[in-house]
C-alpha atoms as a PDB file:
ATOM      1  CA  UNK A   1      23.079 -39.104  -3.455  1.00  0.00           C
ATOM      2  CA  UNK A   2      23.433 -38.081   0.120  1.00  0.00           C
ATOM      3  CA  UNK A   3      25.565 -35.965   1.096  1.00  0.00           C
ATOM      4  CA  UNK A   4      25.053 -33.961   4.290  1.00  0.00           C
ATOM      5  CA  UNK A   5      21.793 -33.833   6.585  1.00  0.00           C
ATOM      6  CA  UNK A   6      22.377 -29.985   7.900  1.00  0.00           C
ATOM      7  CA  UNK A   7      21.883 -27.285   5.177  1.00  0.00           C
ATOM      8  CA  UNK A   8      22.867 -23.485   6.010  1.00  0.00           C
ATOM      9  CA  UNK A   9      21.543 -21.286   3.980  1.00  0.00           C
ATOM     10  CA  UNK A  10      23.900 -17.831   3.770  1.00  0.00           C
ATOM     11  CA  UNK A  11      22.201 -14.173   3.472  1.00  0.00           C
ATOM     12  CA  UNK A  12      24.251 -11.036   2.922  1.00  0.00           C
ATOM     13  CA  UNK A  13      27.164 -10.737   4.113  1.00  0.00           C
ATOM     14  CA  UNK A  14      27.991 -14.818   4.407  1.00  0.00           C
ATOM     15  CA  UNK A  15      29.037 -16.238   1.437  1.00  0.00           C
ATOM     16  CA  UNK A  16      31.142 -18.600   2.754  1.00  0.00           C
ATOM     17  CA  UNK A  17      31.909 -20.117   5.902  1.00  0.00           C
ATOM     18  CA  UNK A  18      35.051 -20.462   7.740  1.00  0.00           C
ATOM     19  CA  UNK A  19      36.151 -23.520   9.902  1.00  0.00           C
ATOM     20  CA  UNK A  20      34.565 -25.959   7.078  1.00  0.00           C
ATOM     21  CA  UNK A  21      37.305 -28.989   6.388  1.00  0.00           C
ATOM     22  CA  UNK A  22      36.672 -31.145   3.221  1.00  0.00           C
ATOM     23  CA  UNK A  23      35.397 -29.051   1.648  1.00  0.00           C
ATOM     24  CA  UNK A  24      34.191 -29.958  -2.031  1.00  0.00           C
ATOM     25  CA  UNK A  25      31.767 -27.844  -4.354  1.00  0.00           C
ATOM     26  CA  UNK A  26      29.329 -29.434  -6.422  1.00  0.00           C
ATOM     27  CA  UNK A  27      26.783 -28.226  -9.159  1.00  0.00           C
ATOM     28  CA  UNK A  28      23.729 -29.395  -9.078  1.00  0.00           C
ATOM     29  CA  UNK A  29      20.559 -29.728 -11.745  1.00  0.00           C
ATOM     30  CA  UNK A  30      16.827 -29.203 -10.830  1.00  0.00           C
ATOM     31  CA  UNK A  31      13.555 -29.394 -12.491  1.00  0.00           C
ATOM     32  CA  UNK A  32      13.466 -25.368 -11.268  1.00  0.00           C
ATOM     33  CA  UNK A  33      16.771 -24.719 -12.876  1.00  0.00           C
ATOM     34  CA  UNK A  34      20.309 -23.647 -11.371  1.00  0.00           C
ATOM     35  CA  UNK A  35      20.671 -23.085  -7.532  1.00  0.00           C
ATOM     36  CA  UNK A  36      21.725 -20.000  -6.553  1.00  0.00           C
ATOM     37  CA  UNK A  37      25.506 -21.076  -6.880  1.00  0.00           C
ATOM     38  CA  UNK A  38      27.388 -24.126  -6.113  1.00  0.00           C
ATOM     39  CA  UNK A  39      26.922 -25.848  -3.176  1.00  0.00           C
ATOM     40  CA  UNK A  40      29.691 -26.207  -1.176  1.00  0.00           C
ATOM     41  CA  UNK A  41      30.028 -29.831   1.011  1.00  0.00           C
ATOM     42  CA  UNK A  42      31.942 -29.725   3.991  1.00  0.00           C
ATOM     43  CA  UNK A  43      32.580 -30.779   7.939  1.00  0.00           C
ATOM     44  CA  UNK A  44      31.367 -27.709  10.358  1.00  0.00           C
ATOM     45  CA  UNK A  45      32.672 -29.290  14.209  1.00  0.00           C
ATOM     46  CA  UNK A  46      32.732 -32.428  12.804  1.00  0.00           C
ATOM     47  CA  UNK A  47      29.110 -32.505  11.077  1.00  0.00           C
ATOM     48  CA  UNK A  48      28.520 -32.883   7.651  1.00  0.00           C
ATOM     49  CA  UNK A  49      26.583 -29.650   6.036  1.00  0.00           C
ATOM     50  CA  UNK A  50      26.168 -28.229   2.867  1.00  0.00           C
ATOM     51  CA  UNK A  51      26.138 -24.690   2.530  1.00  0.00           C
ATOM     52  CA  UNK A  52      24.773 -22.482  -0.064  1.00  0.00           C
ATOM     53  CA  UNK A  53      24.835 -18.421  -0.733  1.00  0.00           C
ATOM     54  CA  UNK A  54      21.168 -17.337  -0.850  1.00  0.00           C
ATOM     55  CA  UNK A  55      22.608 -14.404  -3.300  1.00  0.00           C
ATOM     56  CA  UNK A  56      25.523 -16.050  -4.833  1.00  0.00           C
ATOM     57  CA  UNK A  57      28.564 -14.918  -4.197  1.00  0.00           C
ATOM     58  CA  UNK A  58      29.112 -11.435  -4.644  1.00  0.00           C
ATOM     59  CA  UNK A  59      25.591 -10.996  -4.095  1.00  0.00           C
ATOM     60  CA  UNK A  60      24.554 -10.631  -7.586  1.00  0.00           C
ATOM     61  CA  UNK A  61      20.604 -12.437  -7.145  1.00  0.00           C
ATOM     62  CA  UNK A  62      17.696 -10.334  -6.053  1.00  0.00           C
ATOM     63  CA  UNK A  63      15.400 -10.848  -3.171  1.00  0.00           C
ATOM     64  CA  UNK A  64      12.914 -11.367  -6.070  1.00  0.00           C
ATOM     65  CA  UNK A  65      15.067 -13.429  -8.407  1.00  0.00           C
ATOM     66  CA  UNK A  66      16.364 -16.172  -6.038  1.00  0.00           C
ATOM     67  CA  UNK A  67      15.870 -19.477  -7.216  1.00  0.00           C
ATOM     68  CA  UNK A  68      13.994 -20.950  -4.690  1.00  0.00           C
ATOM     69  CA  UNK A  69      12.307 -23.879  -5.505  1.00  0.00           C
ATOM     70  CA  UNK A  70      15.857 -24.868  -6.934  1.00  0.00           C
ATOM     71  CA  UNK A  71      18.031 -23.957  -3.209  1.00  0.00           C
ATOM     72  CA  UNK A  72      15.811 -26.253  -1.580  1.00  0.00           C
ATOM     73  CA  UNK A  73      14.945 -29.276  -4.175  1.00  0.00           C
ATOM     74  CA  UNK A  74      19.100 -29.171  -4.526  1.00  0.00           C
ATOM     75  CA  UNK A  75      19.384 -29.468  -0.920  1.00  0.00           C
ATOM     76  CA  UNK A  76      16.701 -32.032  -0.478  1.00  0.00           C
ATOM     77  CA  UNK A  77      18.419 -33.940  -2.822  1.00  0.00           C
ATOM     78  CA  UNK A  78      21.914 -33.942  -1.154  1.00  0.00           C
ATOM     79  CA  UNK A  79      19.527 -35.673   2.211  1.00  0.00           C
ATOM     80  CA  UNK A  80      19.051 -32.383   3.783  1.00  0.00           C
ATOM     81  CA  UNK A  81      16.647 -32.897   6.984  1.00  0.00           C
ATOM     82  CA  UNK A  82      17.638 -29.418   8.446  1.00  0.00           C
ATOM     83  CA  UNK A  83      18.234 -25.886   7.038  1.00  0.00           C
ATOM     84  CA  UNK A  84      19.293 -23.177   8.953  1.00  0.00           C
ATOM     85  CA  UNK A  85      18.398 -19.808   7.137  1.00  0.00           C
ATOM     86  CA  UNK A  86      20.770 -16.536   7.698  1.00  0.00           C
ATOM     87  CA  UNK A  87      19.023 -13.130   7.418  1.00  0.00           C
ATOM     88  CA  UNK A  88      19.281  -9.723   7.641  1.00  0.00           C
ATOM     89  CA  UNK A  89      16.251  -7.912   8.779  1.00  0.00           C
ATOM     90  CA  UNK A  90      15.214  -4.558   9.776  1.00  0.00           C
ATOM     91  CA  UNK A  91      13.889  -4.088  13.725  1.00  0.00           C
ATOM     92  CA  UNK A  92       9.800  -3.096  14.129  1.00  0.00           C
ATOM     93  CA  UNK A  93      10.215  -2.581  17.878  1.00  0.00           C
ATOM     94  CA  UNK A  94      12.289  -0.705  20.417  1.00  0.00           C
ATOM     95  CA  UNK A  95      12.729  -3.392  22.146  1.00  0.00           C
ATOM     96  CA  UNK A  96      14.860  -5.343  19.682  1.00  0.00           C
ATOM     97  CA  UNK A  97      17.858  -3.239  18.711  1.00  0.00           C
ATOM     98  CA  UNK A  98      20.519  -3.713  16.027  1.00  0.00           C
ATOM     99  CA  UNK A  99      22.859  -6.392  15.908  1.00  0.00           C
ATOM    100  CA  UNK A 100      20.615  -8.191  18.011  1.00  0.00           C
ATOM    101  CA  UNK A 101      19.289 -11.956  16.449  1.00  0.00           C
ATOM    102  CA  UNK A 102      16.109 -12.919  16.241  1.00  0.00           C
ATOM    103  CA  UNK A 103      14.903 -16.632  15.572  1.00  0.00           C
ATOM    104  CA  UNK A 104      11.197 -15.606  14.540  1.00  0.00           C
ATOM    105  CA  UNK A 105       8.013 -18.125  15.008  1.00  0.00           C
ATOM    106  CA  UNK A 106       6.048 -16.755  12.688  1.00  0.00           C
ATOM    107  CA  UNK A 107       5.391 -15.107   9.105  1.00  0.00           C
ATOM    108  CA  UNK A 108       3.159 -12.414   7.651  1.00  0.00           C
ATOM    109  CA  UNK A 109       3.471 -12.883   4.071  1.00  0.00           C
ATOM    110  CA  UNK A 110       3.793  -9.705   1.762  1.00  0.00           C
ATOM    111  CA  UNK A 111       5.653 -11.428  -1.469  1.00  0.00           C
ATOM    112  CA  UNK A 112       3.449 -11.312  -4.764  1.00  0.00           C
ATOM    113  CA  UNK A 113       6.084 -12.459  -7.584  1.00  0.00           C
ATOM    114  CA  UNK A 114       7.239 -15.631  -6.303  1.00  0.00           C
ATOM    115  CA  UNK A 115       6.815 -19.206  -7.221  1.00  0.00           C
ATOM    116  CA  UNK A 116       6.399 -20.641  -3.656  1.00  0.00           C
ATOM    117  CA  UNK A 117       5.127 -23.857  -4.290  1.00  0.00           C
ATOM    118  CA  UNK A 118       6.533 -27.194  -5.772  1.00  0.00           C
ATOM    119  CA  UNK A 119       2.836 -28.535  -6.883  1.00  0.00           C
ATOM    120  CA  UNK A 120       1.319 -27.758  -9.816  1.00  0.00           C
ATOM    121  CA  UNK A 121       1.081 -29.101 -13.365  1.00  0.00           C
ATOM    122  CA  UNK A 122      -1.044 -31.768 -12.141  1.00  0.00           C
ATOM    123  CA  UNK A 123      -0.640 -32.185  -8.374  1.00  0.00           C
ATOM    124  CA  UNK A 124      -1.893 -30.496  -5.689  1.00  0.00           C
ATOM    125  CA  UNK A 125      -0.497 -30.663  -2.020  1.00  0.00           C
ATOM    126  CA  UNK A 126      -1.923 -28.609   0.501  1.00  0.00           C
ATOM    127  CA  UNK A 127       0.475 -28.399   3.667  1.00  0.00           C
ATOM    128  CA  UNK A 128       0.092 -27.330   7.721  1.00  0.00           C
ATOM    129  CA  UNK A 129       1.640 -23.923   7.430  1.00  0.00           C
ATOM    130  CA  UNK A 130       0.588 -22.835  11.223  1.00  0.00           C
ATOM    131  CA  UNK A 131       3.659 -22.798  12.161  1.00  0.00           C
ATOM    132  CA  UNK A 132       6.261 -21.860   9.773  1.00  0.00           C
ATOM    133  CA  UNK A 133       8.927 -22.609  11.240  1.00  0.00           C
ATOM    134  CA  UNK A 134      10.117 -25.918  12.802  1.00  0.00           C
ATOM    135  CA  UNK A 135      10.527 -25.401  16.365  1.00  0.00           C
ATOM    136  CA  UNK A 136      12.920 -27.670  17.538  1.00  0.00           C
ATOM    137  CA  UNK A 137      15.379 -25.996  15.375  1.00  0.00           C
ATOM    138  CA  UNK A 138      13.915 -22.500  16.883  1.00  0.00           C
ATOM    139  CA  UNK A 139      14.600 -24.031  20.517  1.00  0.00           C
ATOM    140  CA  UNK A 140      18.154 -25.279  19.333  1.00  0.00           C
ATOM    141  CA  UNK A 141      18.899 -21.957  18.247  1.00  0.00           C
ATOM    142  CA  UNK A 142      17.701 -20.597  21.630  1.00  0.00           C
ATOM    143  CA  UNK A 143      19.271 -22.226  23.670  1.00  0.00           C
ATOM    144  CA  UNK A 144      22.781 -22.483  21.798  1.00  0.00           C
ATOM    145  CA  UNK A 145      22.580 -18.118  21.695  1.00  0.00           C
ATOM    146  CA  UNK A 146      22.178 -18.116  25.583  1.00  0.00           C
ATOM    147  CA  UNK A 147      25.014 -20.647  26.228  1.00  0.00           C
ATOM    148  CA  UNK A 148      27.032 -18.584  24.061  1.00  0.00           C
ATOM    149  CA  UNK A 149      25.613 -15.156  26.069  1.00  0.00           C
ATOM    150  CA  UNK A 150      24.774 -13.762  22.402  1.00  0.00           C
ATOM    151  CA  UNK A 151      21.158 -11.535  22.658  1.00  0.00           C
ATOM    152  CA  UNK A 152      18.530 -13.107  20.808  1.00  0.00           C
ATOM    153  CA  UNK A 153      15.117 -13.017  20.613  1.00  0.00           C
ATOM    154  CA  UNK A 154      13.197 -16.697  21.381  1.00  0.00           C
ATOM    155  CA  UNK A 155      10.551 -16.541  18.917  1.00  0.00           C
ATOM    156  CA  UNK A 156       8.885 -13.009  16.830  1.00  0.00           C
ATOM    157  CA  UNK A 157       6.569 -11.978  13.855  1.00  0.00           C
ATOM    158  CA  UNK A 158       8.418 -11.228  10.638  1.00  0.00           C
ATOM    159  CA  UNK A 159       7.098  -9.684   7.603  1.00  0.00           C
ATOM    160  CA  UNK A 160       8.179 -10.931   4.301  1.00  0.00           C
ATOM    161  CA  UNK A 161       8.181  -7.732   1.852  1.00  0.00           C
ATOM    162  CA  UNK A 162       8.693  -8.090  -2.119  1.00  0.00           C
ATOM    163  CA  UNK A 163      11.563  -5.636  -2.086  1.00  0.00           C
ATOM    164  CA  UNK A 164      13.781  -4.378  -3.258  1.00  0.00           C
ATOM    165  CA  UNK A 165      13.254  -1.352  -1.920  1.00  0.00           C
ATOM    166  CA  UNK A 166      13.210  -0.816   1.582  1.00  0.00           C
ATOM    167  CA  UNK A 167       9.818   0.041   3.301  1.00  0.00           C
ATOM    168  CA  UNK A 168       8.089   3.401   3.162  1.00  0.00           C
ATOM    169  CA  UNK A 169       7.217   5.001   6.782  1.00  0.00           C
ATOM    170  CA  UNK A 170       3.750   4.210   6.498  1.00  0.00           C
ATOM    171  CA  UNK A 171       4.048   1.049   5.318  1.00  0.00           C
ATOM    172  CA  UNK A 172       6.470   0.107   8.242  1.00  0.00           C
ATOM    173  CA  UNK A 173       3.791   2.040  11.104  1.00  0.00           C
ATOM    174  CA  UNK A 174       0.967  -0.628   9.357  1.00  0.00           C
ATOM    175  CA  UNK A 175       3.127  -3.432  10.063  1.00  0.00           C
ATOM    176  CA  UNK A 176       3.748  -2.282  13.602  1.00  0.00           C
ATOM    177  CA  UNK A 177       0.178  -2.176  14.393  1.00  0.00           C
ATOM    178  CA  UNK A 178      -0.160  -5.503  13.344  1.00  0.00           C
ATOM    179  CA  UNK A 179       2.320  -6.458  15.923  1.00  0.00           C
ATOM    180  CA  UNK A 180       5.085  -7.630  14.160  1.00  0.00           C
ATOM    181  CA  UNK A 181       8.581  -7.404  14.977  1.00  0.00           C
ATOM    182  CA  UNK A 182      10.898  -7.390  12.156  1.00  0.00           C
ATOM    183  CA  UNK A 183      10.999  -7.368   8.448  1.00  0.00           C
ATOM    184  CA  UNK A 184      12.786  -8.512   5.487  1.00  0.00           C
ATOM    185  CA  UNK A 185      12.797 -10.334   2.046  1.00  0.00           C
ATOM    186  CA  UNK A 186      13.838 -13.633   1.996  1.00  0.00           C
ATOM    187  CA  UNK A 187      12.281 -15.882   4.269  1.00  0.00           C
ATOM    188  CA  UNK A 188       9.890 -17.010   1.818  1.00  0.00           C
ATOM    189  CA  UNK A 189       8.922 -18.653   0.060  1.00  0.00           C
ATOM    190  CA  UNK A 190      12.098 -20.788   1.259  1.00  0.00           C
ATOM    191  CA  UNK A 191       9.942 -21.496   4.429  1.00  0.00           C
ATOM    192  CA  UNK A 192       7.346 -22.759   2.772  1.00  0.00           C
ATOM    193  CA  UNK A 193       9.422 -24.794   0.066  1.00  0.00           C
ATOM    194  CA  UNK A 194      11.363 -26.025   2.857  1.00  0.00           C
ATOM    195  CA  UNK A 195       7.973 -27.374   4.256  1.00  0.00           C
ATOM    196  CA  UNK A 196       6.652 -29.190   1.403  1.00  0.00           C
ATOM    197  CA  UNK A 197       9.875 -31.037   1.353  1.00  0.00           C
ATOM    198  CA  UNK A 198      10.025 -31.925   4.914  1.00  0.00           C
ATOM    199  CA  UNK A 199      12.468 -29.918   6.004  1.00  0.00           C
ATOM    200  CA  UNK A 200      13.058 -28.521   9.269  1.00  0.00           C
ATOM    201  CA  UNK A 201      13.717 -24.989   8.841  1.00  0.00           C
ATOM    202  CA  UNK A 202      14.846 -22.036  11.380  1.00  0.00           C
ATOM    203  CA  UNK A 203      16.305 -18.875  11.028  1.00  0.00           C
ATOM    204  CA  UNK A 204      18.991 -16.726  12.462  1.00  0.00           C
ATOM    205  CA  UNK A 205      17.817 -13.033  11.326  1.00  0.00           C
ATOM    206  CA  UNK A 206      20.206 -10.675  12.821  1.00  0.00           C
ATOM    207  CA  UNK A 207      18.809  -6.931  13.195  1.00  0.00           C
ATOM    208  CA  UNK A 208      20.914  -4.232  11.069  1.00  0.00           C
ATOM    209  CA  UNK A 209      18.289  -1.414  11.420  1.00  0.00           C
ATOM    210  CA  UNK A 210      15.150   0.088  12.806  1.00  0.00           C
ATOM    211  CA  UNK A 211      13.617  -0.201   9.288  1.00  0.00           C
ATOM    212  CA  UNK A 212      12.037   3.865   8.965  1.00  0.00           C
ATOM    213  CA  UNK A 213       9.936   3.666  11.619  1.00  0.00           C
ATOM    214  CA  UNK A 214      11.901   5.341  14.204  1.00  0.00           C
ATOM    215  CA  UNK A 215      12.750   8.865  13.625  1.00  0.00           C
ATOM    216  CA  UNK A 216      15.276   9.368  16.054  1.00  0.00           C
ATOM    217  CA  UNK A 217      17.163   7.060  14.149  1.00  0.00           C
ATOM    218  CA  UNK A 218      18.849   7.300  10.885  1.00  0.00           C
ATOM    219  CA  UNK A 219      17.402   6.493   7.960  1.00  0.00           C
ATOM    220  CA  UNK A 220      17.966   2.949   6.273  1.00  0.00           C
ATOM    221  CA  UNK A 221      20.842   2.791   4.296  1.00  0.00           C
ATOM    222  CA  UNK A 222      22.880   0.220   2.438  1.00  0.00           C
ATOM    223  CA  UNK A 223      26.266   1.545   4.088  1.00  0.00           C
ATOM    224  CA  UNK A 224      24.111   0.718   7.484  1.00  0.00           C
ATOM    225  CA  UNK A 225      22.986  -2.150   7.116  1.00  0.00           C
ATOM    226  CA  UNK A 226      26.701  -3.840   5.478  1.00  0.00           C
ATOM    227  CA  UNK A 227      28.122  -2.227   8.474  1.00  0.00           C
ATOM    228  CA  UNK A 228      25.944  -3.737  11.237  1.00  0.00           C
ATOM    229  CA  UNK A 229      25.813  -6.888   8.985  1.00  0.00           C
ATOM    230  CA  UNK A 230      29.562  -7.803   9.456  1.00  0.00           C
ATOM    231  CA  UNK A 231      29.719  -7.271  13.037  1.00  0.00           C
ATOM    232  CA  UNK A 232      27.031  -9.014  13.454  1.00  0.00           C
ATOM    233  CA  UNK A 233      27.748 -11.893  11.309  1.00  0.00           C
ATOM    234  CA  UNK A 234      30.381 -12.852  13.979  1.00  0.00           C
ATOM    235  CA  UNK A 235      27.640 -14.143  16.278  1.00  0.00           C
ATOM    236  CA  UNK A 236      25.929 -15.784  13.632  1.00  0.00           C
ATOM    237  CA  UNK A 237      28.594 -17.755  12.341  1.00  0.00           C
ATOM    238  CA  UNK A 238      29.288 -18.498  16.561  1.00  0.00           C
ATOM    239  CA  UNK A 239      26.098 -19.875  16.541  1.00  0.00           C
ATOM    240  CA  UNK A 240      25.891 -22.224  14.083  1.00  0.00           C
ATOM    241  CA  UNK A 241      28.838 -23.751  14.950  1.00  0.00           C
ATOM    242  CA  UNK A 242      27.385 -24.520  18.635  1.00  0.00           C
ATOM    243  CA  UNK A 243      23.891 -25.195  16.963  1.00  0.00           C
ATOM    244  CA  UNK A 244      24.677 -27.830  14.460  1.00  0.00           C
ATOM    245  CA  UNK A 245      26.514 -30.121  17.007  1.00  0.00           C
ATOM    246  CA  UNK A 246      22.632 -30.135  18.853  1.00  0.00           C
ATOM    247  CA  UNK A 247      20.548 -31.483  16.320  1.00  0.00           C
ATOM    248  CA  UNK A 248      18.916 -34.358  17.657  1.00  0.00           C
ATOM    249  CA  UNK A 249      19.278 -37.889  16.058  1.00  0.00           C
ATOM    250  CA  UNK A 250      15.595 -38.525  14.995  1.00  0.00           C
ATOM    251  CA  UNK A 251      13.074 -35.650  14.005  1.00  0.00           C
ATOM    252  CA  UNK A 252       9.513 -36.192  15.654  1.00  0.00           C
ATOM    253  CA  UNK A 253       8.550 -32.786  14.835  1.00  0.00           C
ATOM    254  CA  UNK A 254       5.461 -31.246  12.414  1.00  0.00           C
ATOM    255  CA  UNK A 255       8.098 -30.946   9.376  1.00  0.00           C
ATOM    256  CA  UNK A 256       9.323 -34.212   9.063  1.00  0.00           C
ATOM    257  CA  UNK A 257       5.858 -35.137   8.038  1.00  0.00           C
ATOM    258  CA  UNK A 258       4.221 -32.430   6.375  1.00  0.00           C
ATOM    259  CA  UNK A 259       3.302 -34.200   3.276  1.00  0.00           C
ATOM    260  CA  UNK A 260       1.961 -37.530   4.737  1.00  0.00           C
ATOM    261  CA  UNK A 261      -2.053 -36.422   4.479  1.00  0.00           C
ATOM    262  CA  UNK A 262      -1.028 -33.310   2.079  1.00  0.00           C
ATOM    263  CA  UNK A 263      -1.431 -34.484  -1.523  1.00  0.00           C
ATOM    264  CA  UNK A 264      -4.687 -34.477  -2.754  1.00  0.00           C
ATOM    265  CA  UNK A 265      -4.784 -35.392  -6.148  1.00  0.00           C
ATOM    266  CA  UNK A 266      -5.772 -38.948  -7.295  1.00  0.00           C
ATOM    267  CA  UNK A 267      -2.735 -40.697  -7.931  1.00  0.00           C
ATOM    268  CA  UNK A 268      -3.552 -42.437 -11.017  1.00  0.00           C
ATOM    269  CA  UNK A 269      -3.939 -39.233 -12.623  1.00  0.00           C
ATOM    270  CA  UNK A 270      -0.447 -37.187 -11.654  1.00  0.00           C
ATOM    271  CA  UNK A 271       1.653 -37.031 -14.914  1.00  0.00           C
ATOM    272  CA  UNK A 272       4.391 -39.575 -14.964  1.00  0.00           C
ATOM    273  CA  UNK A 273       6.818 -36.715 -15.294  1.00  0.00           C
ATOM    274  CA  UNK A 274       5.845 -35.023 -12.836  1.00  0.00           C
ATOM    275  CA  UNK A 275       6.403 -38.061 -10.522  1.00  0.00           C
ATOM    276  CA  UNK A 276       9.706 -38.169 -11.942  1.00  0.00           C
ATOM    277  CA  UNK A 277      10.601 -34.351 -11.079  1.00  0.00           C
ATOM    278  CA  UNK A 278       9.315 -34.323  -7.618  1.00  0.00           C
ATOM    279  CA  UNK A 279      10.569 -38.017  -7.034  1.00  0.00           C
ATOM    280  CA  UNK A 280      13.153 -36.242  -3.937  1.00  0.00           C
ATOM    281  CA  UNK A 281      10.182 -34.924  -2.414  1.00  0.00           C
ATOM    282  CA  UNK A 282       7.126 -37.104  -2.787  1.00  0.00           C
ATOM    283  CA  UNK A 283       8.661 -40.228  -3.744  1.00  0.00           C
ATOM    284  CA  UNK A 284       8.132 -41.780   0.058  1.00  0.00           C
ATOM    285  CA  UNK A 285       4.718 -41.161  -0.885  1.00  0.00           C
ATOM    286  CA  UNK A 286       3.741 -41.428  -4.402  1.00  0.00           C
ATOM    287  CA  UNK A 287       5.722 -43.762  -6.506  1.00  0.00           C
END
């Protein structure tokens, strides 16, 4: 069913992309339930892309309830090899200002209620995750931002919290003491699942506020986030249009072969139904 090599997961404020041509909406059923919404296939700057609004159109799915396994699985079945993720984040550092874009390279996981693996039910896999974002995609995004003169930070550590509540001041100060740069609610389990599916994954994080650590700055509110988001998302759209045209023809990064030595279960013991369900992900290693 290969339709597009590039996937775009839209975050808050990005429920559709202007400039998509030759569009069609498709519904995909997965062994992990339905994705967040229909997936829109089309061309962006001449590149075949698959767009999925993470929270569903109208922002109706909370971070904890996101069907992340279904989302990544559905994109994988469409032939997606690269995912650009869009997210809104709070800054934990003075130098990272509202309306900046951060392209993180590290994650601290503070989630605890989410299904974060395709494995289980008779199959065990241990992927390497030392570098949770694709370095190739990260470089492409940073270089594209420089070309467009968009203020973007190359690298950074993000805290992914459970939510849906924002941080307490004590939590915010704790994360700052760890050296974290930004905080948000949706980077996981997406990044883990994308790696298990051998899809390159990078995030464009739009800074909307200073979380709640900065006492001279107003306390985070939904209105503040939405206002800054509307202004920052225009840069994200420009960045996407540039970045999708810069992808290499062949992948040589760590993501493309993440499962090669990860599946530890004896092949003859893997249930046939599991093999069938996971065929788009493990099929090239296990028949």
